[in-house]
Amino acid sequence: MEVTGNDVGAVMKYSGHKTLESFSIYLKPTDNGRILATQAIGSIGLFLASFPEQEGDAGNAGQLSEVVTPLGVKEVAS
């Protein structure tokens, strides 16, 4: 996957998998992937909170709540 730049379609085609479900047993999250996903989720939250017409978590328009709890990493059975 890393060699192809995470091109799932190409790897599935050349490995003979027809569905993402059958291929997904080989997909394992990396530490770098977890970090990037956490950063992306945080960025989306900050972006959404920047709209003044939107209410934040604490009911303050466009404001982040005082306590920000990061998402936990959950292990998935293989």
N, C-alpha and C. Protein backbone atom coordinates (compact mmCIF):
# COMPACT_ATOMS: atom_id res chain seq x y z
N MET A 1 0.83 -1.20 0.00
CA MET A 1 0.00 0.00 0.00
C MET A 1 0.87 1.26 0.00
N GLU A 2 1.90 1.30 0.84
CA GLU A 2 2.73 2.49 0.91
C GLU A 2 3.46 2.75 -0.40
N VAL A 3 3.89 1.69 -1.08
CA VAL A 3 4.61 1.83 -2.34
C VAL A 3 3.72 2.49 -3.40
N THR A 4 2.43 2.19 -3.38
CA THR A 4 1.50 2.75 -4.38
C THR A 4 0.91 4.08 -3.94
N GLY A 5 1.35 4.60 -2.81
CA GLY A 5 0.76 5.84 -2.30
C GLY A 5 -0.65 5.62 -1.79
N ASN A 6 -0.87 4.43 -1.22
CA ASN A 6 -2.17 4.03 -0.67
C ASN A 6 -3.28 3.97 -1.73
N ASP A 7 -2.93 3.54 -2.91
CA ASP A 7 -3.89 3.37 -3.99
C ASP A 7 -4.57 2.01 -3.83
N VAL A 8 -5.67 1.99 -3.09
CA VAL A 8 -6.37 0.75 -2.78
C VAL A 8 -6.83 0.06 -4.05
N GLY A 9 -7.36 0.81 -5.01
CA GLY A 9 -7.86 0.21 -6.24
C GLY A 9 -6.79 -0.56 -7.00
N ALA A 10 -5.59 0.03 -7.12
CA ALA A 10 -4.51 -0.64 -7.84
C ALA A 10 -4.08 -1.91 -7.11
N VAL A 11 -3.92 -1.83 -5.80
CA VAL A 11 -3.48 -3.00 -5.04
C VAL A 11 -4.54 -4.10 -5.10
N MET A 12 -5.81 -3.74 -5.00
CA MET A 12 -6.88 -4.73 -5.10
C MET A 12 -6.87 -5.41 -6.46
N LYS A 13 -6.70 -4.63 -7.52
CA LYS A 13 -6.72 -5.18 -8.86
C LYS A 13 -5.59 -6.20 -9.05
N TYR A 14 -4.38 -5.83 -8.66
CA TYR A 14 -3.24 -6.71 -8.89
C TYR A 14 -3.17 -7.88 -7.91
N SER A 15 -3.86 -7.78 -6.78
CA SER A 15 -3.86 -8.90 -5.83
C SER A 15 -5.07 -9.81 -6.04
N GLY A 16 -5.97 -9.44 -6.96
CA GLY A 16 -7.09 -10.30 -7.30
C GLY A 16 -8.31 -10.17 -6.41
N HIS A 17 -8.37 -9.15 -5.56
CA HIS A 17 -9.53 -8.94 -4.70
C HIS A 17 -10.60 -8.19 -5.47
N LYS A 18 -11.83 -8.64 -5.35
CA LYS A 18 -12.94 -8.02 -6.09
C LYS A 18 -13.73 -7.04 -5.22
N THR A 19 -13.66 -7.19 -3.89
CA THR A 19 -14.41 -6.29 -3.01
C THR A 19 -13.48 -5.73 -1.94
N LEU A 20 -13.84 -4.54 -1.47
CA LEU A 20 -13.07 -3.92 -0.40
C LEU A 20 -13.19 -4.76 0.87
N GLU A 21 -14.33 -5.39 1.05
CA GLU A 21 -14.54 -6.23 2.23
C GLU A 21 -13.52 -7.37 2.28
N SER A 22 -13.30 -8.04 1.15
CA SER A 22 -12.33 -9.15 1.15
C SER A 22 -10.90 -8.64 1.29
N PHE A 23 -10.63 -7.44 0.80
CA PHE A 23 -9.29 -6.87 0.88
C PHE A 23 -9.00 -6.26 2.25
N SER A 24 -10.03 -5.82 2.95
CA SER A 24 -9.85 -5.07 4.19
C SER A 24 -9.17 -5.84 5.31
N ILE A 25 -9.15 -7.17 5.23
CA ILE A 25 -8.47 -7.92 6.29
C ILE A 25 -6.97 -7.66 6.29
N TYR A 26 -6.44 -7.14 5.20
CA TYR A 26 -5.01 -6.83 5.11
C TYR A 26 -4.68 -5.39 5.48
N LEU A 27 -5.70 -4.56 5.65
CA LEU A 27 -5.47 -3.15 5.95
C LEU A 27 -5.26 -2.96 7.45
N LYS A 28 -4.10 -2.45 7.80
CA LYS A 28 -3.77 -2.19 9.20
C LYS A 28 -3.38 -0.72 9.33
N PRO A 29 -3.95 -0.03 10.30
CA PRO A 29 -3.58 1.38 10.47
C PRO A 29 -2.14 1.52 10.94
N THR A 30 -1.46 2.53 10.42
CA THR A 30 -0.10 2.81 10.85
C THR A 30 -0.12 3.94 11.88
N ASP A 31 0.98 4.09 12.60
CA ASP A 31 1.05 5.19 13.57
C ASP A 31 0.94 6.53 12.85
N ASN A 32 1.60 6.66 11.70
CA ASN A 32 1.52 7.90 10.94
C ASN A 32 0.09 8.15 10.46
N GLY A 33 -0.60 7.10 10.02
CA GLY A 33 -1.99 7.24 9.60
C GLY A 33 -2.89 7.70 10.73
N ARG A 34 -2.66 7.17 11.90
CA ARG A 34 -3.46 7.59 13.07
C ARG A 34 -3.23 9.06 13.39
N ILE A 35 -1.98 9.49 13.32
CA ILE A 35 -1.66 10.89 13.59
C ILE A 35 -2.34 11.79 12.56
N LEU A 36 -2.23 11.44 11.28
CA LEU A 36 -2.84 12.24 10.22
C LEU A 36 -4.36 12.29 10.36
N ALA A 37 -4.98 11.17 10.71
CA ALA A 37 -6.44 11.15 10.89
C ALA A 37 -6.85 12.03 12.06
N THR A 38 -6.11 11.97 13.15
CA THR A 38 -6.42 12.80 14.33
C THR A 38 -6.30 14.27 13.99
N GLN A 39 -5.25 14.63 13.24
CA GLN A 39 -5.06 16.02 12.83
C GLN A 39 -6.19 16.48 11.92
N ALA A 40 -6.59 15.63 10.98
CA ALA A 40 -7.66 15.99 10.05
C ALA A 40 -8.98 16.21 10.79
N ILE A 41 -9.29 15.34 11.73
CA ILE A 41 -10.53 15.48 12.50
C ILE A 41 -10.51 16.77 13.30
N GLY A 42 -9.36 17.07 13.92
CA GLY A 42 -9.24 18.32 14.68
C GLY A 42 -9.40 19.53 13.78
N SER A 43 -8.83 19.49 12.57
CA SER A 43 -8.94 20.61 11.64
C SER A 43 -10.38 20.84 11.22
N ILE A 44 -11.12 19.77 11.00
CA ILE A 44 -12.53 19.89 10.61
C ILE A 44 -13.32 20.55 11.74
N GLY A 45 -13.05 20.14 12.98
CA GLY A 45 -13.73 20.74 14.12
C GLY A 45 -13.45 22.23 14.24
N LEU A 46 -12.20 22.61 14.06
CA LEU A 46 -11.84 24.04 14.11
C LEU A 46 -12.49 24.81 12.97
N PHE A 47 -12.52 24.21 11.78
CA PHE A 47 -13.15 24.85 10.63
C PHE A 47 -14.64 25.08 10.89
N LEU A 48 -15.33 24.06 11.37
CA LEU A 48 -16.77 24.19 11.62
C LEU A 48 -17.05 25.20 12.72
N ALA A 49 -16.19 25.26 13.72
CA ALA A 49 -16.39 26.20 14.82
C ALA A 49 -16.15 27.64 14.40
N SER A 50 -15.50 27.84 13.25
CA SER A 50 -15.19 29.20 12.81
C SER A 50 -16.38 29.92 12.21
N PHE A 51 -17.47 29.20 11.93
CA PHE A 51 -18.65 29.84 11.36
C PHE A 51 -19.47 30.49 12.47
N PRO A 52 -19.64 31.80 12.42
CA PRO A 52 -20.34 32.50 13.50
C PRO A 52 -21.80 32.08 13.66
N GLU A 53 -22.43 31.61 12.59
CA GLU A 53 -23.84 31.23 12.71
C GLU A 53 -24.03 29.84 13.31
N GLN A 54 -22.96 29.11 13.51
CA GLN A 54 -23.04 27.77 14.09
C GLN A 54 -22.82 27.85 15.59
N GLU A 55 -23.56 27.07 16.32
CA GLU A 55 -23.36 27.02 17.77
C GLU A 55 -22.27 26.02 18.08
N GLY A 56 -21.39 26.38 19.00
CA GLY A 56 -20.33 25.49 19.42
C GLY A 56 -20.85 24.46 20.41
N ASP A 57 -19.97 23.60 20.89
CA ASP A 57 -20.35 22.55 21.84
C ASP A 57 -20.98 23.11 23.10
N ALA A 58 -20.49 24.24 23.56
CA ALA A 58 -20.99 24.81 24.80
C ALA A 58 -22.12 25.80 24.56
N GLY A 59 -22.61 25.90 23.32
CA GLY A 59 -23.70 26.82 23.02
C GLY A 59 -23.22 28.21 22.68
N ASN A 60 -21.92 28.40 22.57
CA ASN A 60 -21.38 29.70 22.20
C ASN A 60 -21.18 29.74 20.69
N ALA A 61 -21.73 30.73 20.05
CA ALA A 61 -21.66 30.80 18.59
C ALA A 61 -20.20 30.91 18.14
N GLY A 62 -19.79 29.96 17.31
CA GLY A 62 -18.46 30.00 16.73
C GLY A 62 -17.32 29.78 17.69
N GLN A 63 -17.58 29.30 18.87
CA GLN A 63 -16.54 29.12 19.87
C GLN A 63 -16.36 27.63 20.16
N LEU A 64 -15.12 27.23 20.37
CA LEU A 64 -14.86 25.86 20.80
C LEU A 64 -15.24 25.71 22.26
N SER A 65 -15.63 24.54 22.65
CA SER A 65 -15.89 24.32 24.07
C SER A 65 -14.58 24.42 24.83
N GLU A 66 -14.65 24.68 26.12
CA GLU A 66 -13.45 24.88 26.93
C GLU A 66 -12.62 23.61 27.05
N VAL A 67 -13.27 22.47 27.07
CA VAL A 67 -12.56 21.21 27.21
C VAL A 67 -12.64 20.47 25.88
N VAL A 68 -11.48 20.16 25.34
CA VAL A 68 -11.42 19.41 24.08
C VAL A 68 -10.86 18.03 24.41
N THR A 69 -11.64 17.01 24.13
CA THR A 69 -11.22 15.64 24.39
C THR A 69 -10.89 14.97 23.07
N PRO A 70 -9.62 14.55 22.90
CA PRO A 70 -9.28 13.89 21.64
C PRO A 70 -9.94 12.53 21.54
N LEU A 71 -10.14 12.08 20.30
CA LEU A 71 -10.71 10.75 20.09
C LEU A 71 -9.69 9.70 20.51
N GLY A 72 -10.17 8.63 21.09
CA GLY A 72 -9.30 7.54 21.48
C GLY A 72 -9.04 6.60 20.31
N VAL A 73 -7.92 5.91 20.37
CA VAL A 73 -7.61 4.92 19.35
C VAL A 73 -8.22 3.61 19.77
N LYS A 74 -8.95 3.01 18.87
CA LYS A 74 -9.64 1.76 19.17
C LYS A 74 -9.04 0.65 18.31
N GLU A 75 -8.61 -0.42 18.95
CA GLU A 75 -8.05 -1.53 18.22
C GLU A 75 -9.18 -2.33 17.57
N VAL A 76 -8.97 -2.76 16.35
CA VAL A 76 -9.95 -3.53 15.62
C VAL A 76 -9.46 -4.95 15.50
N ALA A 77 -10.33 -5.89 15.82
CA ALA A 77 -9.94 -7.30 15.73
C ALA A 77 -9.65 -7.65 14.29
N SER A 78 -8.61 -8.44 14.09
CA SER A 78 -8.26 -8.81 12.71
C SER A 78 -8.70 -10.22 12.41
